[in-house]
Amino acid sequence: MMKMLKGAWAWIDDRTGIMGLLGPPMTHHVPRSAKWWYVFGSCTLMFFSIQIVTGICLALVYAPSADTVYDSLLYLNYDVPAGWMLRAIHGWSSNAMVFMMLVHMVQVFLHGAFKFPREMTWLFGVALMLTTLALAFTGQVMRWDANAYWGVGIGASMMGRFPIIGGWLTHLVLGGPIIGGDTLSRFFTLHVFVLPGAAIGLIGAHLMLVLKHGISEEPKPGSPGEVVEKATYQAAYHERMKKKGVPFFPVAAQRDMVFCGVMLIALIVVAAWYGPIGPGPRPDPTLIDVTPRPDFPFLWIFAVLALLTPSVEDYLIITAAPVLLLVLFLVPFLAGTGSRSASKRPIAVLVMILLITGLGVLSWLGVTSPWSPHMQAWTSDAIPPTFVKNRSPLELQGAIVLQHSQCRNCHALDGIGGQRGPDLADVALRLSPSQLIRQVQQGDGNMPAFGKNLSSAETEAVVSFLHTCHPPGVRPAGRPGARIPQLMELDKKRSKN
């Protein structure tokens, strides 16, 4: 049997020359020190392969029409055998691919692997990053739910801000002046044909450059190749690979296979536990009571746009984004030689720490979105019992007014409710009764004025209740009287009018 298999393989190799194609990639020498730090690129490629396979399977059922797409997703989730699992693996592997790609780029940057002679390898890597992010965004649109609808609207609005070409870009992406069936068709074409084809081409070019210039050694102070000099680096590197390098397969590939296997198991567990991503509510431009939120890779952009003032958004979109991309492409030309060790590049390490911290914080804010009111809090989040126990009738009336006036949509009580405004659990420690009245009636900052919405009696009741919101045994700010003077003056003015 083995003789027959070897003979069949020899015949195939003779007719196709497949070993001539697979031999160099599998047997090329890599540094002996290229160990667990070097597995992230292979893992990214594995997740991309999963995306291709599962995407082809999903395309057999997916109906890319605005009238049928949503129902086809529900059909996949509930009627197609294992369709929900297929969608789950496709969705979560997309997020995993983006995450692993970013980890790989961080490793390359910290190890100085973008330096001479690997500038082109870095450039193709940045192009691959942009293509992967585009795949993730267009993949979210494929769900064609409320998140997808408003996400496309926000993306089109951002493109429309570019001078001269903004209107043309928006019309090109949407397929017309509004979001409709043509929009879905264009995003489907991008997601299924254009972007995967571009990614495959870029991956091929990236791997070709990796084979040509090799994998850089792990940089350690004093180690060979730690300092890059254009006159001597290439010859010295190839000499080291001949003497001390190891073949990629099976020596280095073993670690790649182990890591990819662990990540594959983790992907299947996450997909089985959390299920498919969406679809959410049906896309309806008349329904504004939704909380659209992008997928993981774009949460930080969502947070930035929510936190910045409108006057700054145009400068950020038109200027900051292109400048950031330009800097990414210029990195190997700005610092193409010198030390590769992170310990000797403190500015690069500091930049990476700040970048990772900023993206992490912004992504967490994107998940929690504390700036967004919790529109159902006034009906779904009851006032905790500790805040109504042993309260007077006036104070209980104030609790009712607080709830009915929808104050809880923006203000939490002991962490329960909206997060847009400060928590009211200890508001009596911060504001006196007079200050509470002024805040309720006149508003301040993001808080609207309720002076025309609440009567003096309702305001007095709310303030009386809020003045009881403080930890036990801690004296609140100021002391309310039997009748608050400001409210008495307000009653006199209203009676005269």
Protein backbone atom coordinates (compact mmCIF):
# COMPACT_ATOMS: atom_id res chain seq x y z
CA MET A 1 0.00 0.00 0.00
CA MET A 2 2.79 2.44 0.95
CA LYS A 3 4.59 1.63 -2.29
CA MET A 4 1.45 2.41 -4.26
CA LEU A 5 0.91 5.70 -2.42
CA LYS A 6 4.50 6.75 -2.97
CA GLY A 7 4.20 5.86 -6.62
CA ALA A 8 0.97 7.86 -6.97
CA TRP A 9 2.55 10.86 -5.25
CA ALA A 10 5.64 10.62 -7.46
CA TRP A 11 3.38 10.58 -10.54
CA ILE A 12 1.46 13.67 -9.31
CA ASP A 13 4.69 15.49 -8.48
CA ASP A 14 6.14 14.62 -11.87
CA ARG A 15 3.09 15.99 -13.68
CA THR A 16 2.47 19.07 -11.53
CA GLY A 17 5.79 19.93 -9.91
CA ILE A 18 3.98 20.45 -6.63
CA MET A 19 7.05 19.73 -4.53
CA GLY A 20 8.86 22.48 -6.37
CA LEU A 21 6.18 24.85 -5.10
CA LEU A 22 5.79 23.48 -1.56
CA GLY A 23 9.42 22.61 -0.96
CA PRO A 24 10.94 26.09 -0.50
CA PRO A 25 8.21 27.39 1.86
CA MET A 26 8.30 24.25 4.00
CA THR A 27 12.06 23.77 4.17
CA HIS A 28 13.36 27.35 4.27
CA HIS A 29 15.50 28.04 7.30
CA VAL A 30 14.29 30.23 10.15
CA PRO A 31 16.16 31.46 13.23
CA ARG A 32 16.47 28.92 16.02
CA SER A 33 15.18 31.62 18.40
CA ALA A 34 11.92 32.00 16.41
CA LYS A 35 9.67 30.32 18.95
CA TRP A 36 6.33 31.24 20.54
CA TRP A 37 6.58 34.94 19.64
CA TYR A 38 6.34 33.94 15.98
CA VAL A 39 3.08 31.94 15.91
CA PHE A 40 0.60 34.80 15.52
CA GLY A 41 0.98 35.23 11.77
CA SER A 42 0.22 31.56 11.10
CA CYS A 43 -2.78 31.74 13.43
CA THR A 44 -4.12 34.76 11.55
CA LEU A 45 -3.82 32.80 8.32
CA MET A 46 -5.71 29.90 9.91
CA PHE A 47 -8.61 32.15 10.91
CA PHE A 48 -8.70 33.62 7.41
CA SER A 49 -8.89 30.09 5.96
CA ILE A 50 -11.81 29.37 8.29
CA GLN A 51 -13.47 32.53 7.04
CA ILE A 52 -13.15 31.37 3.43
CA VAL A 53 -14.50 27.87 4.08
CA THR A 54 -17.41 28.90 6.29
CA GLY A 55 -18.19 31.88 4.04
CA ILE A 56 -18.58 29.57 1.02
CA CYS A 57 -20.94 27.34 3.02
CA LEU A 58 -23.01 30.32 4.19
CA ALA A 59 -23.22 31.73 0.66
CA LEU A 60 -25.14 28.59 -0.38
CA VAL A 61 -28.10 29.74 1.76
CA TYR A 62 -27.56 33.50 2.16
CA ALA A 63 -29.94 35.53 -0.02
CA PRO A 64 -28.32 38.94 -0.77
CA SER A 65 -31.55 40.84 -1.32
CA ALA A 66 -32.93 43.52 0.98
CA ASP A 67 -36.30 41.73 1.06
CA THR A 68 -35.00 38.23 1.86
CA VAL A 69 -31.62 38.59 3.54
CA TYR A 70 -32.94 38.91 7.10
CA ASP A 71 -35.18 35.87 6.76
CA SER A 72 -32.33 33.86 5.26
CA LEU A 73 -30.25 34.54 8.37
CA LEU A 74 -33.11 33.40 10.60
CA TYR A 75 -33.43 30.32 8.40
CA LEU A 76 -29.73 29.61 8.93
CA ASN A 77 -30.07 30.09 12.67
CA TYR A 78 -33.16 27.96 13.27
CA ASP A 79 -33.84 25.64 10.33
CA VAL A 80 -30.59 24.65 8.62
CA PRO A 81 -28.91 21.78 10.53
CA ALA A 82 -25.90 23.24 12.37
CA GLY A 83 -26.47 26.51 10.51
CA TRP A 84 -26.29 28.45 13.77
CA MET A 85 -22.90 26.91 14.51
CA LEU A 86 -21.64 27.71 11.05
CA ARG A 87 -22.66 31.35 11.48
CA ALA A 88 -21.14 31.42 14.96
CA ILE A 89 -17.79 30.09 13.77
CA HIS A 90 -17.78 32.55 10.86
CA GLY A 91 -18.62 35.53 13.07
CA TRP A 92 -16.28 34.78 15.96
CA SER A 93 -13.40 33.75 13.69
CA SER A 94 -13.71 37.19 12.06
CA ASN A 95 -13.13 38.89 15.40
CA ALA A 96 -10.36 36.41 16.24
CA MET A 97 -8.64 37.08 12.90
CA VAL A 98 -8.63 40.84 13.53
CA PHE A 99 -7.35 40.38 17.08
CA MET A 100 -4.59 37.95 16.09
CA MET A 101 -3.57 40.20 13.22
CA LEU A 102 -3.18 43.15 15.60
CA VAL A 103 -1.15 41.01 18.02
CA HIS A 104 1.08 39.95 15.13
CA MET A 105 1.64 43.58 14.10
CA VAL A 106 2.48 44.55 17.68
CA GLN A 107 5.03 41.73 17.85
CA VAL A 108 6.58 42.80 14.54
CA PHE A 109 6.79 46.41 15.68
CA LEU A 110 8.29 45.65 19.10
CA HIS A 111 10.84 43.26 17.59
CA GLY A 112 11.82 45.79 14.94
CA ALA A 113 11.07 43.24 12.21
CA PHE A 114 9.96 46.05 9.89
CA LYS A 115 13.51 47.34 9.51
CA PHE A 116 15.80 46.84 6.52
CA PRO A 117 15.45 44.76 4.35
CA ARG A 118 11.83 43.94 5.29
CA GLU A 119 10.22 47.31 4.50
CA MET A 120 7.99 45.86 1.78
CA THR A 121 6.91 43.02 4.07
CA TRP A 122 5.63 45.63 6.53
CA LEU A 123 3.87 47.61 3.78
CA PHE A 124 2.00 44.54 2.59
CA GLY A 125 1.20 43.75 6.23
CA VAL A 126 -0.40 47.17 6.72
CA ALA A 127 -2.38 46.71 3.51
CA LEU A 128 -3.51 43.32 4.83
CA MET A 129 -4.61 44.94 8.09
CA LEU A 130 -6.77 47.46 6.22
CA THR A 131 -8.24 44.71 4.05
CA THR A 132 -9.03 42.60 7.13
CA LEU A 133 -10.78 45.52 8.82
CA ALA A 134 -12.76 46.15 5.63
CA LEU A 135 -13.79 42.48 5.61
CA ALA A 136 -14.93 42.78 9.22
CA PHE A 137 -16.99 45.91 8.51
CA THR A 138 -18.63 44.55 5.38
CA GLY A 139 -19.31 41.32 7.26
CA GLN A 140 -21.30 43.24 9.87
CA VAL A 141 -23.34 44.82 7.08
CA MET A 142 -24.15 41.32 5.78
CA ARG A 143 -26.37 40.81 8.84
CA TRP A 144 -28.60 43.65 7.55
CA ASP A 145 -30.12 44.38 10.96
CA ALA A 146 -30.49 47.66 12.85
CA ASN A 147 -26.78 47.68 13.76
CA ALA A 148 -25.83 47.17 10.12
CA TYR A 149 -28.25 49.83 8.88
CA TRP A 150 -27.08 52.54 11.25
CA GLY A 151 -23.45 51.44 10.88
CA VAL A 152 -23.62 51.97 7.12
CA GLY A 153 -25.29 55.33 7.74
CA ILE A 154 -22.50 56.45 10.05
CA GLY A 155 -19.83 55.21 7.62
CA ALA A 156 -21.48 57.05 4.73
CA SER A 157 -21.73 60.19 6.84
CA MET A 158 -18.01 60.01 7.61
CA MET A 159 -17.11 59.64 3.93
CA GLY A 160 -19.45 62.49 3.01
CA ARG A 161 -17.36 64.91 5.06
CA PHE A 162 -14.39 64.73 2.72
CA PRO A 163 -14.29 67.86 0.59
CA ILE A 164 -14.97 67.62 -3.16
CA ILE A 165 -15.16 63.81 -3.36
CA GLY A 166 -17.35 63.21 -0.28
CA GLY A 167 -20.66 63.18 -2.11
CA TRP A 168 -19.31 60.98 -4.90
CA LEU A 169 -17.86 58.47 -2.40
CA THR A 170 -21.14 58.28 -0.50
CA HIS A 171 -23.15 57.70 -3.67
CA LEU A 172 -20.64 55.06 -4.81
CA VAL A 173 -20.80 53.08 -1.57
CA LEU A 174 -24.57 53.32 -1.06
CA GLY A 175 -25.43 52.74 -4.70
CA GLY A 176 -27.69 55.78 -4.62
CA PRO A 177 -28.77 58.66 -2.38
CA ILE A 178 -30.18 56.39 0.38
CA ILE A 179 -29.45 53.06 2.05
CA GLY A 180 -31.35 50.37 0.17
CA GLY A 181 -31.12 47.14 -1.77
CA ASP A 182 -28.29 48.45 -3.97
CA THR A 183 -26.27 49.14 -0.81
CA LEU A 184 -26.53 45.52 0.29
CA SER A 185 -25.59 44.30 -3.21
CA ARG A 186 -22.46 46.43 -3.24
CA PHE A 187 -21.35 45.37 0.22
CA PHE A 188 -22.05 41.73 -0.67
CA THR A 189 -19.83 42.05 -3.74
CA LEU A 190 -17.08 43.62 -1.66
CA HIS A 191 -17.32 41.06 1.13
CA VAL A 192 -17.57 37.93 -1.01
CA PHE A 193 -15.48 38.73 -4.09
CA VAL A 194 -13.35 41.88 -4.02
CA LEU A 195 -11.91 41.90 -0.50
CA PRO A 196 -11.20 38.13 -0.20
CA GLY A 197 -9.47 38.25 -3.59
CA ALA A 198 -7.40 41.24 -2.49
CA ALA A 199 -6.56 39.50 0.81
CA ILE A 200 -5.42 36.32 -0.96
CA GLY A 201 -3.20 38.34 -3.29
CA LEU A 202 -1.71 40.35 -0.42
CA ILE A 203 -1.11 37.19 1.63
CA GLY A 204 0.71 35.62 -1.30
CA ALA A 205 2.91 38.69 -1.73
CA HIS A 206 3.51 38.89 2.02
CA LEU A 207 4.59 35.23 2.24
CA MET A 208 6.79 35.62 -0.85
CA LEU A 209 8.62 38.49 0.84
CA VAL A 210 8.93 36.49 4.06
CA LEU A 211 10.59 33.69 2.07
CA LYS A 212 12.89 36.12 0.28
CA HIS A 213 14.11 38.07 3.29
CA GLY A 214 13.55 35.49 6.01
CA ILE A 215 12.20 35.83 9.53
CA SER A 216 14.10 38.16 11.82
CA GLU A 217 15.70 36.74 14.95
CA GLU A 218 14.29 37.57 18.35
CA PRO A 219 16.18 40.76 19.24
CA LYS A 220 18.19 40.64 22.44
CA PRO A 221 20.88 43.14 23.44
CA GLY A 222 24.21 41.90 22.14
CA SER A 223 22.72 39.10 20.02
CA PRO A 224 23.59 38.73 16.30
CA GLY A 225 21.29 40.80 14.10
CA GLU A 226 20.08 42.96 16.96
CA VAL A 227 21.54 46.05 15.25
CA VAL A 228 20.57 46.59 11.60
CA GLU A 229 23.13 48.13 9.27
CA LYS A 230 22.33 48.20 5.56
CA ALA A 231 25.91 47.44 4.49
CA THR A 232 26.31 44.21 6.44
CA TYR A 233 22.94 42.94 7.70
CA GLN A 234 21.75 40.80 4.76
CA ALA A 235 25.00 38.91 4.20
CA ALA A 236 25.43 38.28 7.91
CA TYR A 237 21.81 37.11 8.28
CA HIS A 238 22.04 34.57 5.45
CA GLU A 239 25.33 33.29 6.85
CA ARG A 240 23.74 32.78 10.26
CA MET A 241 20.80 30.92 8.72
CA LYS A 242 23.17 28.52 6.95
CA LYS A 243 25.04 27.75 10.16
CA LYS A 244 22.41 27.99 12.91
CA GLY A 245 19.03 28.14 11.18
CA VAL A 246 16.46 25.36 11.42
CA PRO A 247 13.96 24.25 8.75
CA PHE A 248 10.50 25.70 9.13
CA PHE A 249 8.96 22.23 8.80
CA PRO A 250 8.89 20.37 11.06
CA VAL A 251 10.91 22.27 13.68
CA ALA A 252 9.27 25.71 13.74
CA ALA A 253 5.95 24.55 12.28
CA GLN A 254 5.32 22.35 15.33
CA ARG A 255 4.77 25.39 17.54
CA ASP A 256 2.55 26.99 14.92
CA MET A 257 0.40 23.86 14.73
CA VAL A 258 0.11 23.56 18.51
CA PHE A 259 -0.92 27.21 18.91
CA CYS A 260 -3.33 27.06 15.99
CA GLY A 261 -4.87 23.89 17.43
CA VAL A 262 -5.42 25.54 20.80
CA MET A 263 -6.95 28.61 19.17
CA LEU A 264 -9.20 26.44 17.00
CA ILE A 265 -10.52 24.63 20.07
CA ALA A 266 -11.08 27.99 21.80
CA LEU A 267 -12.96 29.26 18.74
CA ILE A 268 -15.27 26.24 18.68
CA VAL A 269 -15.95 26.57 22.44
CA VAL A 270 -16.75 30.29 22.14
CA ALA A 271 -18.94 29.71 19.08
CA ALA A 272 -20.86 26.91 20.81
CA TRP A 273 -21.27 28.89 24.05
CA TYR A 274 -22.25 32.31 22.68
CA GLY A 275 -23.82 31.25 19.40
CA PRO A 276 -24.03 33.34 16.23
CA ILE A 277 -23.66 37.11 16.26
CA GLY A 278 -27.07 38.56 15.40
CA PRO A 279 -29.10 39.37 13.58
CA GLY A 280 -30.52 42.06 15.85
CA PRO A 281 -33.76 43.96 15.25
CA ARG A 282 -34.87 44.35 11.66
CA PRO A 283 -33.51 47.44 9.88
CA ASP A 284 -36.10 50.21 10.19
CA PRO A 285 -35.13 53.86 9.54
CA THR A 286 -38.23 55.03 11.43
CA LEU A 287 -37.22 53.17 14.61
CA ILE A 288 -34.94 55.44 16.62
CA ASP A 289 -35.26 53.58 19.94
CA VAL A 290 -32.26 51.37 19.14
CA THR A 291 -28.74 51.27 20.50
CA PRO A 292 -26.58 50.41 17.48
CA ARG A 293 -23.11 49.27 18.34
CA PRO A 294 -20.38 48.09 15.93
CA ASP A 295 -18.48 44.85 16.18
CA PHE A 296 -15.32 44.47 18.27
CA PRO A 297 -12.79 45.94 15.80
CA PHE A 298 -14.63 49.27 15.56
CA LEU A 299 -15.75 49.86 19.13
CA TRP A 300 -12.92 52.34 19.70
CA ILE A 301 -14.03 54.44 16.70
CA PHE A 302 -17.58 54.33 18.05
CA ALA A 303 -16.34 55.64 21.42
CA VAL A 304 -14.16 58.37 19.89
CA LEU A 305 -17.00 59.74 17.78
CA ALA A 306 -19.38 59.65 20.75
CA LEU A 307 -17.00 61.46 23.11
CA LEU A 308 -15.73 64.16 20.76
CA THR A 309 -17.65 67.34 20.09
CA PRO A 310 -19.11 67.74 16.57
CA SER A 311 -16.74 70.61 15.83
CA VAL A 312 -13.73 68.26 16.19
CA GLU A 313 -15.14 65.28 14.28
CA ASP A 314 -14.45 66.72 10.83
CA TYR A 315 -10.77 67.33 11.64
CA LEU A 316 -10.45 63.84 13.08
CA ILE A 317 -12.02 62.12 10.08
CA ILE A 318 -10.50 64.25 7.32
CA THR A 319 -7.04 64.84 8.82
CA ALA A 320 -6.19 62.48 11.67
CA ALA A 321 -7.18 59.21 9.96
CA PRO A 322 -5.15 59.78 6.75
CA VAL A 323 -2.16 61.03 8.76
CA LEU A 324 -2.26 57.95 10.98
CA LEU A 325 -2.33 55.65 7.96
CA LEU A 326 0.52 57.58 6.35
CA VAL A 327 2.63 57.20 9.50
CA LEU A 328 1.95 53.44 9.54
CA PHE A 329 3.19 53.11 5.97
CA LEU A 330 6.26 55.29 6.67
CA VAL A 331 7.38 53.44 9.84
CA PRO A 332 10.07 51.30 8.10
CA PHE A 333 11.46 54.35 6.32
CA LEU A 334 11.51 56.54 9.42
CA ALA A 335 13.30 53.92 11.55
CA GLY A 336 14.70 51.40 9.08
CA THR A 337 18.07 50.83 10.74
CA GLY A 338 19.60 50.72 14.19
CA SER A 339 18.77 48.60 17.21
CA ARG A 340 15.84 46.18 17.06
CA SER A 341 15.74 45.46 20.78
CA ALA A 342 12.72 46.90 22.58
CA SER A 343 14.85 47.78 25.59
CA LYS A 344 16.85 50.18 23.41
CA ARG A 345 13.79 51.72 21.75
CA PRO A 346 11.93 53.31 24.68
CA ILE A 347 9.95 55.73 22.52
CA ALA A 348 8.61 52.89 20.36
CA VAL A 349 7.65 50.91 23.48
CA LEU A 350 5.97 53.94 25.03
CA VAL A 351 4.00 54.62 21.85
CA MET A 352 2.83 51.01 21.76
CA ILE A 353 1.83 51.04 25.44
CA LEU A 354 -0.16 54.25 24.99
CA LEU A 355 -1.76 52.91 21.81
CA ILE A 356 -2.80 49.59 23.37
CA THR A 357 -4.07 51.30 26.53
CA GLY A 358 -6.03 53.87 24.54
CA LEU A 359 -7.61 51.28 22.25
CA GLY A 360 -8.45 49.07 25.23
CA VAL A 361 -10.10 51.87 27.21
CA LEU A 362 -11.99 53.20 24.20
CA SER A 363 -13.17 49.69 23.28
CA TRP A 364 -14.44 49.16 26.83
CA LEU A 365 -16.25 52.49 26.67
CA GLY A 366 -17.69 51.37 23.36
CA VAL A 367 -19.06 48.24 25.03
CA THR A 368 -20.57 50.06 28.01
CA SER A 369 -21.41 53.32 26.14
CA PRO A 370 -22.05 55.31 29.35
CA TRP A 371 -22.97 58.38 27.29
CA SER A 372 -26.08 56.66 25.96
CA PRO A 373 -29.26 56.92 28.10
CA HIS A 374 -30.87 53.68 29.22
CA MET A 375 -34.27 54.43 27.71
CA GLN A 376 -36.11 51.63 29.57
CA ALA A 377 -34.67 52.37 33.00
CA TRP A 378 -37.70 54.36 34.19
CA THR A 379 -39.93 51.32 33.63
CA SER A 380 -37.56 48.37 34.05
CA ASP A 381 -35.12 49.48 36.78
CA ALA A 382 -36.97 49.81 40.07
CA ILE A 383 -35.63 52.03 42.83
CA PRO A 384 -33.62 49.83 45.22
CA PRO A 385 -35.60 49.09 48.47
CA THR A 386 -32.92 50.69 50.65
CA PHE A 387 -33.74 54.09 49.12
CA VAL A 388 -37.44 53.96 49.98
CA LYS A 389 -37.28 52.28 53.38
CA ASN A 390 -38.34 54.52 56.32
CA ARG A 391 -38.93 57.51 54.02
CA SER A 392 -41.60 60.13 54.65
CA PRO A 393 -44.63 60.47 52.33
CA LEU A 394 -43.05 63.55 50.71
CA GLU A 395 -39.80 61.70 50.10
CA LEU A 396 -41.67 58.70 48.66
CA GLN A 397 -43.56 61.06 46.38
CA GLY A 398 -40.21 62.42 45.24
CA ALA A 399 -39.04 58.89 44.39
CA ILE A 400 -42.16 58.43 42.26
CA VAL A 401 -41.60 61.75 40.45
CA LEU A 402 -37.93 60.87 39.90
CA GLN A 403 -38.94 57.59 38.29
CA HIS A 404 -41.88 58.94 36.29
CA SER A 405 -39.87 61.89 34.94
CA GLN A 406 -37.40 59.38 33.42
CA CYS A 407 -34.47 60.73 35.41
CA ARG A 408 -33.31 57.14 35.85
CA ASN A 409 -32.62 56.89 32.13
CA CYS A 410 -29.49 58.97 32.68
CA HIS A 411 -28.90 58.61 36.43
CA ALA A 412 -28.31 55.34 38.26
CA LEU A 413 -29.16 54.61 41.86
CA ASP A 414 -26.46 52.43 43.39
CA GLY A 415 -25.35 51.36 39.90
CA ILE A 416 -28.87 50.53 38.64
CA GLY A 417 -30.02 52.74 35.75
CA GLY A 418 -28.39 54.89 33.06
CA GLN A 419 -24.75 55.90 33.24
CA ARG A 420 -24.86 59.17 31.31
CA GLY A 421 -25.09 61.30 34.44
CA PRO A 422 -23.57 60.80 37.90
CA ASP A 423 -24.93 58.14 40.23
CA LEU A 424 -27.50 59.59 42.63
CA ALA A 425 -26.77 57.14 45.46
CA ASP A 426 -24.63 59.75 47.26
CA VAL A 427 -25.85 62.95 45.61
CA ALA A 428 -26.75 64.43 49.02
CA LEU A 429 -23.05 64.46 49.90
CA ARG A 430 -22.22 66.59 46.85
CA LEU A 431 -25.13 69.03 46.63
CA SER A 432 -27.14 70.91 49.22
CA PRO A 433 -30.94 71.29 48.86
CA SER A 434 -30.51 74.74 47.29
CA GLN A 435 -27.98 73.37 44.80
CA LEU A 436 -30.25 70.42 44.00
CA ILE A 437 -33.11 72.80 43.23
CA ARG A 438 -30.95 74.86 40.91
CA GLN A 439 -29.68 71.72 39.17
CA VAL A 440 -33.20 70.34 38.64
CA GLN A 441 -34.75 73.61 37.50
CA GLN A 442 -31.94 75.14 35.44
CA GLY A 443 -29.92 72.09 34.38
CA ASP A 444 -26.18 72.15 33.83
CA GLY A 445 -23.82 70.75 31.21
CA ASN A 446 -25.52 67.81 29.50
CA MET A 447 -28.45 67.83 31.90
CA PRO A 448 -31.57 69.58 30.56
CA ALA A 449 -33.59 72.05 32.66
CA PHE A 450 -36.78 70.66 34.22
CA GLY A 451 -38.09 73.99 35.55
CA LYS A 452 -40.95 74.03 33.03
CA ASN A 453 -41.72 70.34 33.38
CA LEU A 454 -42.01 70.00 37.14
CA SER A 455 -44.22 72.01 39.46
CA SER A 456 -42.81 73.49 42.64
CA ALA A 457 -44.44 70.71 44.66
CA GLU A 458 -42.88 68.04 42.44
CA THR A 459 -39.49 69.73 42.60
CA GLU A 460 -39.73 69.92 46.39
CA ALA A 461 -40.60 66.23 46.57
CA VAL A 462 -37.71 65.22 44.31
CA VAL A 463 -35.23 67.34 46.25
CA SER A 464 -36.51 65.95 49.54
CA PHE A 465 -35.96 62.43 48.27
CA LEU A 466 -32.53 63.17 46.78
CA HIS A 467 -31.44 64.71 50.06
CA THR A 468 -31.89 61.29 51.67
CA CYS A 469 -29.51 59.68 49.16
CA HIS A 470 -26.33 59.33 51.19
CA PRO A 471 -24.54 56.52 53.03
CA PRO A 472 -25.89 55.71 56.52
CA GLY A 473 -24.24 57.64 59.30
CA VAL A 474 -22.83 60.32 56.98
CA ARG A 475 -24.24 63.82 57.29
CA PRO A 476 -25.54 65.23 54.00
CA ALA A 477 -24.62 68.66 52.61
CA GLY A 478 -26.92 71.29 54.17
CA ARG A 479 -30.23 70.69 55.91
CA PRO A 480 -33.64 70.96 54.29
CA GLY A 481 -36.20 73.10 56.12
CA ALA A 482 -39.93 72.55 56.41
CA ARG A 483 -40.34 74.54 53.17
CA ILE A 484 -37.38 75.29 50.95
CA PRO A 485 -37.17 79.11 50.51
CA GLN A 486 -36.46 78.98 46.78
CA LEU A 487 -39.62 76.98 46.17
CA MET A 488 -41.69 79.38 48.24
CA GLU A 489 -40.42 82.28 46.09
CA LEU A 490 -41.21 80.30 42.95
CA ASP A 491 -44.80 79.71 44.16
CA LYS A 492 -45.25 83.45 44.79
CA LYS A 493 -44.04 84.34 41.28
CA ARG A 494 -46.31 81.79 39.67
CA SER A 495 -49.35 82.94 41.68
CA LYS A 496 -48.73 86.56 40.56
CA ASN A 497 -48.47 85.51 36.90
